[in-house]
Amino acid sequence: MMKPLLDISNLHQAYGSRSIFKNLHLTVQPKHFVWVTGPNGVGKTTLLKTIAGILKPLSGSVNFSFKERASYFSPQSQVYFKMTVDENIHFFSKILGYTVEEAITYAHMLGLQESRGVMYRNLSFGQKIKTLLTLALSQKSSLFLLDEPYTGLDQDSITTLNAVLKNKIEEGASVVCATHQFNPIEGVAIQEFKLC
């Protein structure tokens, strides 16, 4: 059996005195798609942020079998509002370690050809989501953490996103995705992880 990419044990997270989840266990093997489900407020976003290292858990462990950082996407991910799509791509390539050429390829796949010179703050909501997805998908990582990635996307873009995710999984990466708007990926087995 392959060594898991991600192994979470006895994870406990809280906001103030309110416990979000405790004694949480999750193992993610290579080439897997994990769909995190549960009602609003149950801790799906908190779990992804904790895995990404944005939030520090109260207790428990989050262990990775790979050295590079996990790629994290959220509709609230930080970019520069007064930069164009292209300027953000170039700027974050230095921080996140991807190639500009690959990022531009993803931008075009997601339909941003005509928007690359537009300032981020002037984009439509769907174009903003595509820009953030471009930055996340361009990273060289074994694990992609996606929080509501289908929000604001039309069906063509959803189909494209799923094709990209399928390709990453076939290459050995895994995806942990929290979404209420799940669209099955043909040929990819889905592991549901329910928070309640």
N, C-alpha and C. Protein backbone atom coordinates (compact mmCIF):
# COMPACT_ATOMS: atom_id res chain seq x y z
N MET A 1 0.85 -1.20 0.00
CA MET A 1 0.00 0.00 0.00
C MET A 1 0.88 1.25 0.00
N MET A 2 0.51 2.23 -0.82
CA MET A 2 1.29 3.45 -0.90
C MET A 2 1.19 4.26 0.39
N LYS A 3 2.24 5.02 0.65
CA LYS A 3 2.25 5.89 1.81
C LYS A 3 1.27 7.04 1.57
N PRO A 4 0.41 7.37 2.55
CA PRO A 4 -0.56 8.44 2.32
C PRO A 4 0.12 9.80 2.14
N LEU A 5 -0.47 10.63 1.30
CA LEU A 5 0.02 11.99 1.13
C LEU A 5 -0.27 12.83 2.37
N LEU A 6 -1.42 12.55 2.99
CA LEU A 6 -1.88 13.32 4.13
C LEU A 6 -2.41 12.38 5.19
N ASP A 7 -1.98 12.60 6.42
CA ASP A 7 -2.45 11.79 7.54
C ASP A 7 -2.78 12.72 8.71
N ILE A 8 -4.07 12.82 9.01
CA ILE A 8 -4.56 13.68 10.10
C ILE A 8 -5.01 12.79 11.25
N SER A 9 -4.56 13.12 12.45
CA SER A 9 -4.89 12.29 13.60
C SER A 9 -5.30 13.15 14.80
N ASN A 10 -6.44 12.81 15.39
CA ASN A 10 -6.93 13.45 16.63
C ASN A 10 -6.96 14.97 16.54
N LEU A 11 -7.37 15.47 15.39
CA LEU A 11 -7.35 16.92 15.17
C LEU A 11 -8.49 17.60 15.92
N HIS A 12 -8.15 18.66 16.65
CA HIS A 12 -9.14 19.44 17.40
C HIS A 12 -8.96 20.90 17.03
N GLN A 13 -10.07 21.52 16.62
CA GLN A 13 -10.04 22.92 16.22
C GLN A 13 -11.22 23.64 16.83
N ALA A 14 -11.01 24.91 17.21
CA ALA A 14 -12.07 25.70 17.85
C ALA A 14 -11.88 27.16 17.54
N TYR A 15 -12.97 27.91 17.63
CA TYR A 15 -12.94 29.37 17.60
C TYR A 15 -13.37 29.86 18.97
N GLY A 16 -12.44 30.41 19.72
CA GLY A 16 -12.77 30.81 21.08
C GLY A 16 -13.16 29.61 21.91
N SER A 17 -14.32 29.70 22.53
CA SER A 17 -14.78 28.59 23.37
C SER A 17 -15.63 27.59 22.59
N ARG A 18 -15.87 27.88 21.29
CA ARG A 18 -16.72 27.00 20.49
C ARG A 18 -15.88 25.98 19.74
N SER A 19 -16.08 24.71 20.06
CA SER A 19 -15.36 23.64 19.38
C SER A 19 -15.94 23.44 17.98
N ILE A 20 -15.08 23.39 16.97
CA ILE A 20 -15.51 23.18 15.59
C ILE A 20 -15.53 21.69 15.28
N PHE A 21 -14.44 21.03 15.57
CA PHE A 21 -14.40 19.57 15.48
C PHE A 21 -13.29 19.07 16.41
N LYS A 22 -13.42 17.81 16.82
CA LYS A 22 -12.40 17.21 17.68
C LYS A 22 -12.25 15.74 17.34
N ASN A 23 -11.09 15.19 17.67
CA ASN A 23 -10.77 13.79 17.39
C ASN A 23 -11.00 13.43 15.92
N LEU A 24 -10.64 14.36 15.06
CA LEU A 24 -10.85 14.15 13.62
C LEU A 24 -9.69 13.37 13.03
N HIS A 25 -10.01 12.36 12.24
CA HIS A 25 -9.01 11.53 11.56
C HIS A 25 -9.32 11.52 10.06
N LEU A 26 -8.29 11.70 9.27
CA LEU A 26 -8.45 11.64 7.82
C LEU A 26 -7.13 11.21 7.20
N THR A 27 -7.20 10.22 6.32
CA THR A 27 -6.03 9.78 5.56
C THR A 27 -6.33 9.93 4.08
N VAL A 28 -5.42 10.56 3.36
CA VAL A 28 -5.59 10.77 1.92
C VAL A 28 -4.44 10.10 1.18
N GLN A 29 -4.79 9.11 0.37
CA GLN A 29 -3.81 8.40 -0.43
C GLN A 29 -3.53 9.15 -1.74
N PRO A 30 -2.40 8.87 -2.37
CA PRO A 30 -2.15 9.47 -3.70
C PRO A 30 -3.25 9.10 -4.69
N LYS A 31 -3.49 9.98 -5.63
CA LYS A 31 -4.44 9.78 -6.73
C LYS A 31 -5.88 9.64 -6.22
N HIS A 32 -6.22 10.38 -5.18
CA HIS A 32 -7.57 10.34 -4.62
C HIS A 32 -8.23 11.72 -4.68
N PHE A 33 -9.54 11.69 -4.78
CA PHE A 33 -10.36 12.90 -4.68
C PHE A 33 -11.23 12.74 -3.45
N VAL A 34 -11.02 13.60 -2.47
CA VAL A 34 -11.79 13.56 -1.23
C VAL A 34 -12.77 14.72 -1.24
N TRP A 35 -14.04 14.39 -1.16
CA TRP A 35 -15.11 15.38 -1.15
C TRP A 35 -15.56 15.59 0.29
N VAL A 36 -15.26 16.76 0.83
CA VAL A 36 -15.63 17.10 2.21
C VAL A 36 -17.04 17.67 2.20
N THR A 37 -17.95 17.01 2.90
CA THR A 37 -19.35 17.42 2.92
C THR A 37 -19.79 17.76 4.34
N GLY A 38 -20.98 18.34 4.42
CA GLY A 38 -21.56 18.69 5.71
C GLY A 38 -22.27 20.03 5.62
N PRO A 39 -23.16 20.32 6.56
CA PRO A 39 -23.92 21.57 6.53
C PRO A 39 -23.04 22.78 6.78
N ASN A 40 -23.58 23.96 6.47
CA ASN A 40 -22.86 25.21 6.73
C ASN A 40 -22.47 25.32 8.20
N GLY A 41 -21.26 25.81 8.43
CA GLY A 41 -20.83 26.05 9.80
C GLY A 41 -20.24 24.85 10.50
N VAL A 42 -20.14 23.72 9.80
CA VAL A 42 -19.67 22.49 10.46
C VAL A 42 -18.13 22.42 10.52
N GLY A 43 -17.45 23.26 9.71
CA GLY A 43 -16.00 23.31 9.78
C GLY A 43 -15.25 22.89 8.53
N LYS A 44 -15.91 22.87 7.38
CA LYS A 44 -15.25 22.44 6.15
C LYS A 44 -14.10 23.39 5.78
N THR A 45 -14.40 24.68 5.77
CA THR A 45 -13.37 25.67 5.47
C THR A 45 -12.28 25.67 6.52
N THR A 46 -12.67 25.53 7.78
CA THR A 46 -11.69 25.48 8.87
C THR A 46 -10.75 24.29 8.70
N LEU A 47 -11.29 23.15 8.29
CA LEU A 47 -10.45 21.97 8.06
C LEU A 47 -9.43 22.23 6.97
N LEU A 48 -9.86 22.79 5.85
CA LEU A 48 -8.93 23.05 4.75
C LEU A 48 -7.87 24.06 5.15
N LYS A 49 -8.27 25.10 5.87
CA LYS A 49 -7.29 26.10 6.32
C LYS A 49 -6.29 25.50 7.31
N THR A 50 -6.76 24.57 8.12
CA THR A 50 -5.86 23.91 9.07
C THR A 50 -4.86 23.02 8.34
N ILE A 51 -5.34 22.27 7.34
CA ILE A 51 -4.44 21.44 6.55
C ILE A 51 -3.41 22.32 5.83
N ALA A 52 -3.86 23.47 5.33
CA ALA A 52 -2.98 24.37 4.58
C ALA A 52 -1.99 25.10 5.48
N GLY A 53 -2.20 25.04 6.79
CA GLY A 53 -1.30 25.72 7.72
C GLY A 53 -1.68 27.16 8.00
N ILE A 54 -2.84 27.58 7.49
CA ILE A 54 -3.31 28.95 7.74
C ILE A 54 -3.79 29.09 9.18
N LEU A 55 -4.42 28.02 9.68
CA LEU A 55 -4.86 27.97 11.07
C LEU A 55 -4.06 26.92 11.81
N LYS A 56 -3.72 27.20 13.06
CA LYS A 56 -3.01 26.24 13.89
C LYS A 56 -4.01 25.46 14.73
N PRO A 57 -3.95 24.14 14.71
CA PRO A 57 -4.92 23.35 15.48
C PRO A 57 -4.65 23.46 16.98
N LEU A 58 -5.70 23.26 17.76
CA LEU A 58 -5.54 23.23 19.22
C LEU A 58 -4.73 22.01 19.63
N SER A 59 -4.99 20.90 18.98
CA SER A 59 -4.24 19.67 19.26
C SER A 59 -4.40 18.73 18.08
N GLY A 60 -3.62 17.65 18.10
CA GLY A 60 -3.64 16.70 17.01
C GLY A 60 -2.52 16.97 16.02
N SER A 61 -2.46 16.16 14.99
CA SER A 61 -1.36 16.26 14.03
C SER A 61 -1.85 16.25 12.59
N VAL A 62 -1.14 17.00 11.75
CA VAL A 62 -1.36 17.02 10.30
C VAL A 62 -0.01 16.72 9.66
N ASN A 63 0.13 15.54 9.07
CA ASN A 63 1.41 15.10 8.52
C ASN A 63 1.32 14.87 7.01
N PHE A 64 2.36 15.29 6.33
CA PHE A 64 2.46 15.14 4.88
C PHE A 64 3.63 14.22 4.54
N SER A 65 3.51 13.50 3.44
CA SER A 65 4.61 12.66 2.98
C SER A 65 5.36 13.31 1.82
N PHE A 66 5.06 14.57 1.52
CA PHE A 66 5.73 15.29 0.45
C PHE A 66 6.32 16.58 1.03
N LYS A 67 7.27 17.17 0.31
CA LYS A 67 8.01 18.31 0.85
C LYS A 67 7.46 19.67 0.40
N GLU A 68 6.89 19.72 -0.80
CA GLU A 68 6.40 21.00 -1.30
C GLU A 68 5.12 21.40 -0.56
N ARG A 69 4.77 22.67 -0.63
CA ARG A 69 3.56 23.12 0.06
C ARG A 69 2.31 22.63 -0.65
N ALA A 70 1.25 22.43 0.12
CA ALA A 70 -0.05 22.11 -0.47
C ALA A 70 -0.59 23.36 -1.15
N SER A 71 -1.25 23.18 -2.27
CA SER A 71 -1.87 24.30 -2.98
C SER A 71 -3.26 24.53 -2.40
N TYR A 72 -3.56 25.79 -2.07
CA TYR A 72 -4.83 26.12 -1.42
C TYR A 72 -5.60 27.14 -2.25
N PHE A 73 -6.88 26.83 -2.50
CA PHE A 73 -7.77 27.77 -3.19
C PHE A 73 -8.96 28.08 -2.30
N SER A 74 -9.32 29.35 -2.27
CA SER A 74 -10.55 29.82 -1.64
C SER A 74 -11.04 31.03 -2.43
N PRO A 75 -12.35 31.24 -2.52
CA PRO A 75 -12.85 32.46 -3.17
C PRO A 75 -12.35 33.72 -2.48
N GLN A 76 -11.86 33.59 -1.24
CA GLN A 76 -11.34 34.72 -0.48
C GLN A 76 -9.81 34.77 -0.49
N SER A 77 -9.17 33.96 -1.32
CA SER A 77 -7.71 33.99 -1.39
C SER A 77 -7.22 35.39 -1.73
N GLN A 78 -6.07 35.74 -1.19
CA GLN A 78 -5.56 37.11 -1.33
C GLN A 78 -4.78 37.30 -2.63
N VAL A 79 -5.18 38.32 -3.39
CA VAL A 79 -4.43 38.77 -4.55
C VAL A 79 -4.42 40.30 -4.50
N TYR A 80 -3.72 40.91 -5.46
CA TYR A 80 -3.66 42.37 -5.51
C TYR A 80 -4.76 42.91 -6.42
N PHE A 81 -5.70 43.63 -5.82
CA PHE A 81 -6.87 44.13 -6.53
C PHE A 81 -6.49 45.17 -7.58
N LYS A 82 -5.37 45.89 -7.38
CA LYS A 82 -4.99 46.94 -8.32
C LYS A 82 -3.98 46.44 -9.35
N MET A 83 -3.77 45.13 -9.38
CA MET A 83 -2.95 44.52 -10.43
C MET A 83 -3.85 43.83 -11.45
N THR A 84 -3.37 43.71 -12.67
CA THR A 84 -4.10 42.96 -13.68
C THR A 84 -3.94 41.46 -13.41
N VAL A 85 -4.69 40.66 -14.16
CA VAL A 85 -4.56 39.21 -14.06
C VAL A 85 -3.12 38.81 -14.34
N ASP A 86 -2.54 39.32 -15.43
CA ASP A 86 -1.16 38.98 -15.78
C ASP A 86 -0.17 39.41 -14.70
N GLU A 87 -0.37 40.59 -14.15
CA GLU A 87 0.54 41.08 -13.11
C GLU A 87 0.47 40.21 -11.86
N ASN A 88 -0.73 39.76 -11.50
CA ASN A 88 -0.86 38.85 -10.38
C ASN A 88 -0.17 37.51 -10.67
N ILE A 89 -0.35 37.01 -11.88
CA ILE A 89 0.31 35.75 -12.27
C ILE A 89 1.82 35.87 -12.13
N HIS A 90 2.40 36.96 -12.64
CA HIS A 90 3.84 37.15 -12.56
C HIS A 90 4.30 37.33 -11.11
N PHE A 91 3.57 38.11 -10.35
CA PHE A 91 3.96 38.38 -8.96
C PHE A 91 3.97 37.10 -8.13
N PHE A 92 2.88 36.34 -8.21
CA PHE A 92 2.76 35.17 -7.35
C PHE A 92 3.61 34.00 -7.83
N SER A 93 4.07 34.04 -9.08
CA SER A 93 4.97 32.98 -9.56
C SER A 93 6.25 32.96 -8.73
N LYS A 94 6.69 34.13 -8.27
CA LYS A 94 7.91 34.21 -7.47
C LYS A 94 7.69 33.68 -6.05
N ILE A 95 6.46 33.79 -5.56
CA ILE A 95 6.15 33.35 -4.20
C ILE A 95 5.76 31.87 -4.18
N LEU A 96 4.94 31.47 -5.14
CA LEU A 96 4.38 30.12 -5.15
C LEU A 96 5.20 29.13 -5.97
N GLY A 97 6.14 29.63 -6.76
CA GLY A 97 7.09 28.76 -7.42
C GLY A 97 6.60 28.07 -8.68
N TYR A 98 5.60 28.60 -9.36
CA TYR A 98 5.16 28.01 -10.62
C TYR A 98 5.74 28.81 -11.79
N THR A 99 5.63 28.27 -12.99
CA THR A 99 6.11 28.99 -14.16
C THR A 99 4.98 29.86 -14.72
N VAL A 100 5.33 31.04 -15.18
CA VAL A 100 4.35 31.96 -15.75
C VAL A 100 3.68 31.32 -16.97
N GLU A 101 4.46 30.60 -17.76
CA GLU A 101 3.93 29.97 -18.98
C GLU A 101 2.81 28.99 -18.65
N GLU A 102 3.03 28.18 -17.61
CA GLU A 102 2.00 27.21 -17.23
C GLU A 102 0.76 27.91 -16.71
N ALA A 103 0.96 28.96 -15.94
CA ALA A 103 -0.17 29.70 -15.40
C ALA A 103 -1.00 30.33 -16.52
N ILE A 104 -0.33 30.86 -17.52
CA ILE A 104 -1.05 31.46 -18.65
C ILE A 104 -1.83 30.39 -19.40
N THR A 105 -1.26 29.19 -19.50
CA THR A 105 -1.98 28.08 -20.13
C THR A 105 -3.28 27.79 -19.38
N TYR A 106 -3.20 27.71 -18.04
CA TYR A 106 -4.41 27.48 -17.25
C TYR A 106 -5.39 28.64 -17.39
N ALA A 107 -4.88 29.86 -17.42
CA ALA A 107 -5.75 31.03 -17.57
C ALA A 107 -6.54 30.94 -18.86
N HIS A 108 -5.88 30.53 -19.93
CA HIS A 108 -6.56 30.40 -21.22
C HIS A 108 -7.55 29.24 -21.20
N MET A 109 -7.17 28.14 -20.57
CA MET A 109 -8.08 27.00 -20.48
C MET A 109 -9.37 27.39 -19.76
N LEU A 110 -9.25 28.25 -18.77
CA LEU A 110 -10.41 28.68 -17.99
C LEU A 110 -11.15 29.86 -18.61
N GLY A 111 -10.68 30.34 -19.76
CA GLY A 111 -11.40 31.38 -20.48
C GLY A 111 -11.03 32.80 -20.13
N LEU A 112 -9.78 33.02 -19.70
CA LEU A 112 -9.36 34.36 -19.29
C LEU A 112 -8.52 35.07 -20.37
N GLN A 113 -8.56 34.57 -21.60
CA GLN A 113 -7.73 35.15 -22.65
C GLN A 113 -7.93 36.65 -22.78
N GLU A 114 -9.18 37.08 -22.78
CA GLU A 114 -9.51 38.49 -23.02
C GLU A 114 -9.43 39.33 -21.75
N SER A 115 -9.13 38.69 -20.62
CA SER A 115 -9.16 39.41 -19.34
C SER A 115 -7.79 39.57 -18.71
N ARG A 116 -6.75 39.09 -19.36
CA ARG A 116 -5.43 39.10 -18.73
C ARG A 116 -4.92 40.50 -18.45
N GLY A 117 -5.34 41.47 -19.24
CA GLY A 117 -4.89 42.84 -19.04
C GLY A 117 -5.83 43.67 -18.18
N VAL A 118 -6.86 43.03 -17.62
CA VAL A 118 -7.86 43.74 -16.81
C VAL A 118 -7.46 43.70 -15.34
N MET A 119 -7.63 44.85 -14.67
CA MET A 119 -7.33 44.91 -13.25
C MET A 119 -8.27 43.97 -12.48
N TYR A 120 -7.73 43.26 -11.50
CA TYR A 120 -8.49 42.24 -10.79
C TYR A 120 -9.79 42.80 -10.23
N ARG A 121 -9.75 44.00 -9.66
CA ARG A 121 -10.95 44.56 -9.03
C ARG A 121 -12.06 44.84 -10.04
N ASN A 122 -11.74 44.91 -11.32
CA ASN A 122 -12.73 45.19 -12.35
C ASN A 122 -13.28 43.92 -13.02
N LEU A 123 -12.80 42.76 -12.59
CA LEU A 123 -13.29 41.51 -13.16
C LEU A 123 -14.67 41.16 -12.62
N SER A 124 -15.40 40.35 -13.37
CA SER A 124 -16.65 39.80 -12.85
C SER A 124 -16.31 38.78 -11.76
N PHE A 125 -17.32 38.37 -10.99
CA PHE A 125 -17.08 37.40 -9.92
C PHE A 125 -16.51 36.10 -10.48
N GLY A 126 -17.10 35.63 -11.58
CA GLY A 126 -16.63 34.39 -12.20
C GLY A 126 -15.19 34.50 -12.68
N GLN A 127 -14.82 35.66 -13.26
CA GLN A 127 -13.44 35.86 -13.71
C GLN A 127 -12.48 35.91 -12.53
N LYS A 128 -12.92 36.47 -11.42
CA LYS A 128 -12.06 36.48 -10.21
C LYS A 128 -11.80 35.06 -9.73
N ILE A 129 -12.85 34.23 -9.72
CA ILE A 129 -12.69 32.84 -9.32
C ILE A 129 -11.70 32.14 -10.26
N LYS A 130 -11.82 32.36 -11.55
CA LYS A 130 -10.93 31.74 -12.52
C LYS A 130 -9.48 32.19 -12.32
N THR A 131 -9.29 33.46 -11.96
CA THR A 131 -7.94 33.97 -11.69
C THR A 131 -7.34 33.26 -10.48
N LEU A 132 -8.12 33.14 -9.42
CA LEU A 132 -7.64 32.47 -8.21
C LEU A 132 -7.38 30.99 -8.47
N LEU A 133 -8.24 30.36 -9.27
CA LEU A 133 -8.01 28.95 -9.64
C LEU A 133 -6.73 28.81 -10.46
N THR A 134 -6.48 29.75 -11.36
CA THR A 134 -5.26 29.73 -12.15
C THR A 134 -4.03 29.71 -11.26
N LEU A 135 -4.01 30.56 -10.24
CA LEU A 135 -2.87 30.62 -9.33
C LEU A 135 -2.72 29.32 -8.54
N ALA A 136 -3.83 28.74 -8.11
CA ALA A 136 -3.78 27.51 -7.32
C ALA A 136 -3.37 26.31 -8.17
N LEU A 137 -3.95 26.18 -9.35
CA LEU A 137 -3.69 25.02 -10.20
C LEU A 137 -2.29 25.02 -10.79
N SER A 138 -1.68 26.19 -10.87
CA SER A 138 -0.35 26.31 -11.47
C SER A 138 0.76 25.81 -10.55
N GLN A 139 0.46 25.68 -9.27
CA GLN A 139 1.48 25.27 -8.32
C GLN A 139 1.86 23.80 -8.51
N LYS A 140 3.14 23.52 -8.31
CA LYS A 140 3.64 22.15 -8.36
C LYS A 140 3.44 21.53 -6.98
N SER A 141 2.36 20.80 -6.82
CA SER A 141 2.05 20.24 -5.51
C SER A 141 1.47 18.84 -5.66
N SER A 142 1.60 18.07 -4.59
CA SER A 142 1.00 16.74 -4.55
C SER A 142 -0.40 16.77 -3.96
N LEU A 143 -0.78 17.92 -3.39
CA LEU A 143 -2.08 18.02 -2.72
C LEU A 143 -2.72 19.36 -3.02
N PHE A 144 -3.96 19.32 -3.53
CA PHE A 144 -4.71 20.53 -3.86
C PHE A 144 -5.91 20.63 -2.93
N LEU A 145 -5.96 21.71 -2.17
CA LEU A 145 -7.04 21.96 -1.21
C LEU A 145 -7.95 23.02 -1.81
N LEU A 146 -9.18 22.64 -2.13
CA LEU A 146 -10.09 23.52 -2.86
C LEU A 146 -11.36 23.77 -2.05
N ASP A 147 -11.60 25.04 -1.72
CA ASP A 147 -12.77 25.41 -0.94
C ASP A 147 -13.78 26.11 -1.87
N GLU A 148 -14.85 25.40 -2.20
CA GLU A 148 -15.90 25.90 -3.11
C GLU A 148 -15.33 26.39 -4.45
N PRO A 149 -14.60 25.52 -5.17
CA PRO A 149 -13.98 25.95 -6.42
C PRO A 149 -14.95 26.15 -7.58
N TYR A 150 -16.16 25.59 -7.48
CA TYR A 150 -17.12 25.69 -8.59
C TYR A 150 -17.98 26.95 -8.51
N THR A 151 -17.83 27.71 -7.43
CA THR A 151 -18.62 28.92 -7.25
C THR A 151 -18.39 29.90 -8.38
N GLY A 152 -19.47 30.35 -9.01
CA GLY A 152 -19.36 31.38 -10.05
C GLY A 152 -18.92 30.89 -11.41
N LEU A 153 -18.74 29.59 -11.58
CA LEU A 153 -18.28 29.06 -12.86
C LEU A 153 -19.46 28.59 -13.72
N ASP A 154 -19.35 28.83 -15.03
CA ASP A 154 -20.36 28.29 -15.94
C ASP A 154 -20.02 26.82 -16.22
N GLN A 155 -20.91 26.14 -16.92
CA GLN A 155 -20.74 24.70 -17.12
C GLN A 155 -19.48 24.37 -17.91
N ASP A 156 -19.14 25.17 -18.90
CA ASP A 156 -17.92 24.92 -19.67
C ASP A 156 -16.69 25.00 -18.77
N SER A 157 -16.67 25.99 -17.88
CA SER A 157 -15.53 26.16 -16.98
C SER A 157 -15.47 25.03 -15.96
N ILE A 158 -16.64 24.56 -15.52
CA ILE A 158 -16.68 23.42 -14.59
C ILE A 158 -16.10 22.18 -15.26
N THR A 159 -16.49 21.96 -16.52
CA THR A 159 -15.97 20.82 -17.27
C THR A 159 -14.45 20.91 -17.42
N THR A 160 -13.96 22.12 -17.71
CA THR A 160 -12.52 22.34 -17.85
C THR A 160 -11.80 22.09 -16.53
N LEU A 161 -12.34 22.64 -15.44
CA LEU A 161 -11.73 22.46 -14.12
C LEU A 161 -11.65 20.97 -13.78
N ASN A 162 -12.73 20.25 -14.01
CA ASN A 162 -12.72 18.82 -13.71
C ASN A 162 -11.69 18.06 -14.55
N ALA A 163 -11.52 18.47 -15.80
CA ALA A 163 -10.51 17.83 -16.65
C ALA A 163 -9.10 18.08 -16.11
N VAL A 164 -8.87 19.30 -15.64
CA VAL A 164 -7.56 19.62 -15.06
C VAL A 164 -7.32 18.81 -13.79
N LEU A 165 -8.33 18.72 -12.93
CA LEU A 165 -8.20 17.96 -11.68
C LEU A 165 -7.98 16.48 -11.97
N LYS A 166 -8.70 15.95 -12.95
CA LYS A 166 -8.52 14.54 -13.33
C LYS A 166 -7.08 14.29 -13.78
N ASN A 167 -6.54 15.21 -14.56
CA ASN A 167 -5.17 15.07 -15.04
C ASN A 167 -4.17 15.10 -13.88
N LYS A 168 -4.39 15.98 -12.93
CA LYS A 168 -3.49 16.07 -11.77
C LYS A 168 -3.55 14.78 -10.94
N ILE A 169 -4.75 14.24 -10.79
CA ILE A 169 -4.91 12.99 -10.05
C ILE A 169 -4.21 11.84 -10.77
N GLU A 170 -4.35 11.79 -12.08
CA GLU A 170 -3.70 10.73 -12.86
C GLU A 170 -2.18 10.84 -12.77
N GLU A 171 -1.67 12.05 -12.56
CA GLU A 171 -0.23 12.26 -12.43
C GLU A 171 0.27 11.97 -11.02
N GLY A 172 -0.64 11.66 -10.08
CA GLY A 172 -0.21 11.26 -8.75
C GLY A 172 -0.64 12.17 -7.62
N ALA A 173 -1.22 13.31 -7.94
CA ALA A 173 -1.66 14.24 -6.90
C ALA A 173 -3.02 13.80 -6.33
N SER A 174 -3.41 14.41 -5.23
CA SER A 174 -4.74 14.21 -4.66
C SER A 174 -5.41 15.55 -4.46
N VAL A 175 -6.73 15.51 -4.36
CA VAL A 175 -7.54 16.71 -4.20
C VAL A 175 -8.43 16.53 -2.98
N VAL A 176 -8.44 17.53 -2.12
CA VAL A 176 -9.41 17.59 -1.02
C VAL A 176 -10.28 18.80 -1.29
N CYS A 177 -11.56 18.57 -1.53
CA CYS A 177 -12.46 19.61 -2.02
C CYS A 177 -13.70 19.73 -1.14
N ALA A 178 -13.97 20.93 -0.66
CA ALA A 178 -15.20 21.20 0.07
C ALA A 178 -16.12 22.01 -0.83
N THR A 179 -17.29 21.46 -1.13
CA THR A 179 -18.22 22.18 -2.00
C THR A 179 -19.64 21.65 -1.82
N HIS A 180 -20.60 22.56 -1.97
CA HIS A 180 -22.01 22.17 -2.01
C HIS A 180 -22.47 21.91 -3.44
N GLN A 181 -21.61 22.27 -4.40
CA GLN A 181 -21.97 22.24 -5.81
C GLN A 181 -21.09 21.24 -6.55
N PHE A 182 -21.08 20.01 -6.08
CA PHE A 182 -20.15 19.04 -6.64
C PHE A 182 -20.61 18.55 -8.00
N ASN A 183 -19.64 18.45 -8.89
CA ASN A 183 -19.88 17.91 -10.23
C ASN A 183 -18.97 16.71 -10.41
N PRO A 184 -19.52 15.49 -10.52
CA PRO A 184 -18.70 14.28 -10.61
C PRO A 184 -17.68 14.36 -11.74
N ILE A 185 -16.51 13.81 -11.49
CA ILE A 185 -15.44 13.79 -12.47
C ILE A 185 -15.38 12.39 -13.07
N GLU A 186 -15.64 12.28 -14.35
CA GLU A 186 -15.69 10.98 -15.01
C GLU A 186 -14.36 10.24 -14.87
N GLY A 187 -14.43 9.00 -14.41
CA GLY A 187 -13.24 8.18 -14.30
C GLY A 187 -12.46 8.38 -13.02
N VAL A 188 -12.97 9.19 -12.10
CA VAL A 188 -12.26 9.45 -10.84
C VAL A 188 -13.15 8.98 -9.69
N ALA A 189 -12.61 8.11 -8.84
CA ALA A 189 -13.35 7.64 -7.67
C ALA A 189 -13.38 8.74 -6.62
N ILE A 190 -14.54 8.91 -6.02
CA ILE A 190 -14.74 9.96 -5.03
C ILE A 190 -14.83 9.34 -3.64
N GLN A 191 -14.04 9.86 -2.72
CA GLN A 191 -14.10 9.45 -1.32
C GLN A 191 -14.80 10.56 -0.54
N GLU A 192 -16.00 10.29 -0.03
CA GLU A 192 -16.71 11.32 0.72
C GLU A 192 -16.26 11.32 2.18
N PHE A 193 -15.98 12.52 2.68
CA PHE A 193 -15.62 12.68 4.09
C PHE A 193 -16.61 13.67 4.69
N LYS A 194 -17.50 13.18 5.53
CA LYS A 194 -18.60 13.99 6.04
C LYS A 194 -18.29 14.53 7.44
N LEU A 195 -18.41 15.85 7.55
CA LEU A 195 -18.30 16.51 8.85
C LEU A 195 -19.72 16.75 9.38
N CYS A 196 -19.92 16.52 10.65
CA CYS A 196 -21.25 16.73 11.22
C CYS A 196 -21.15 17.15 12.68
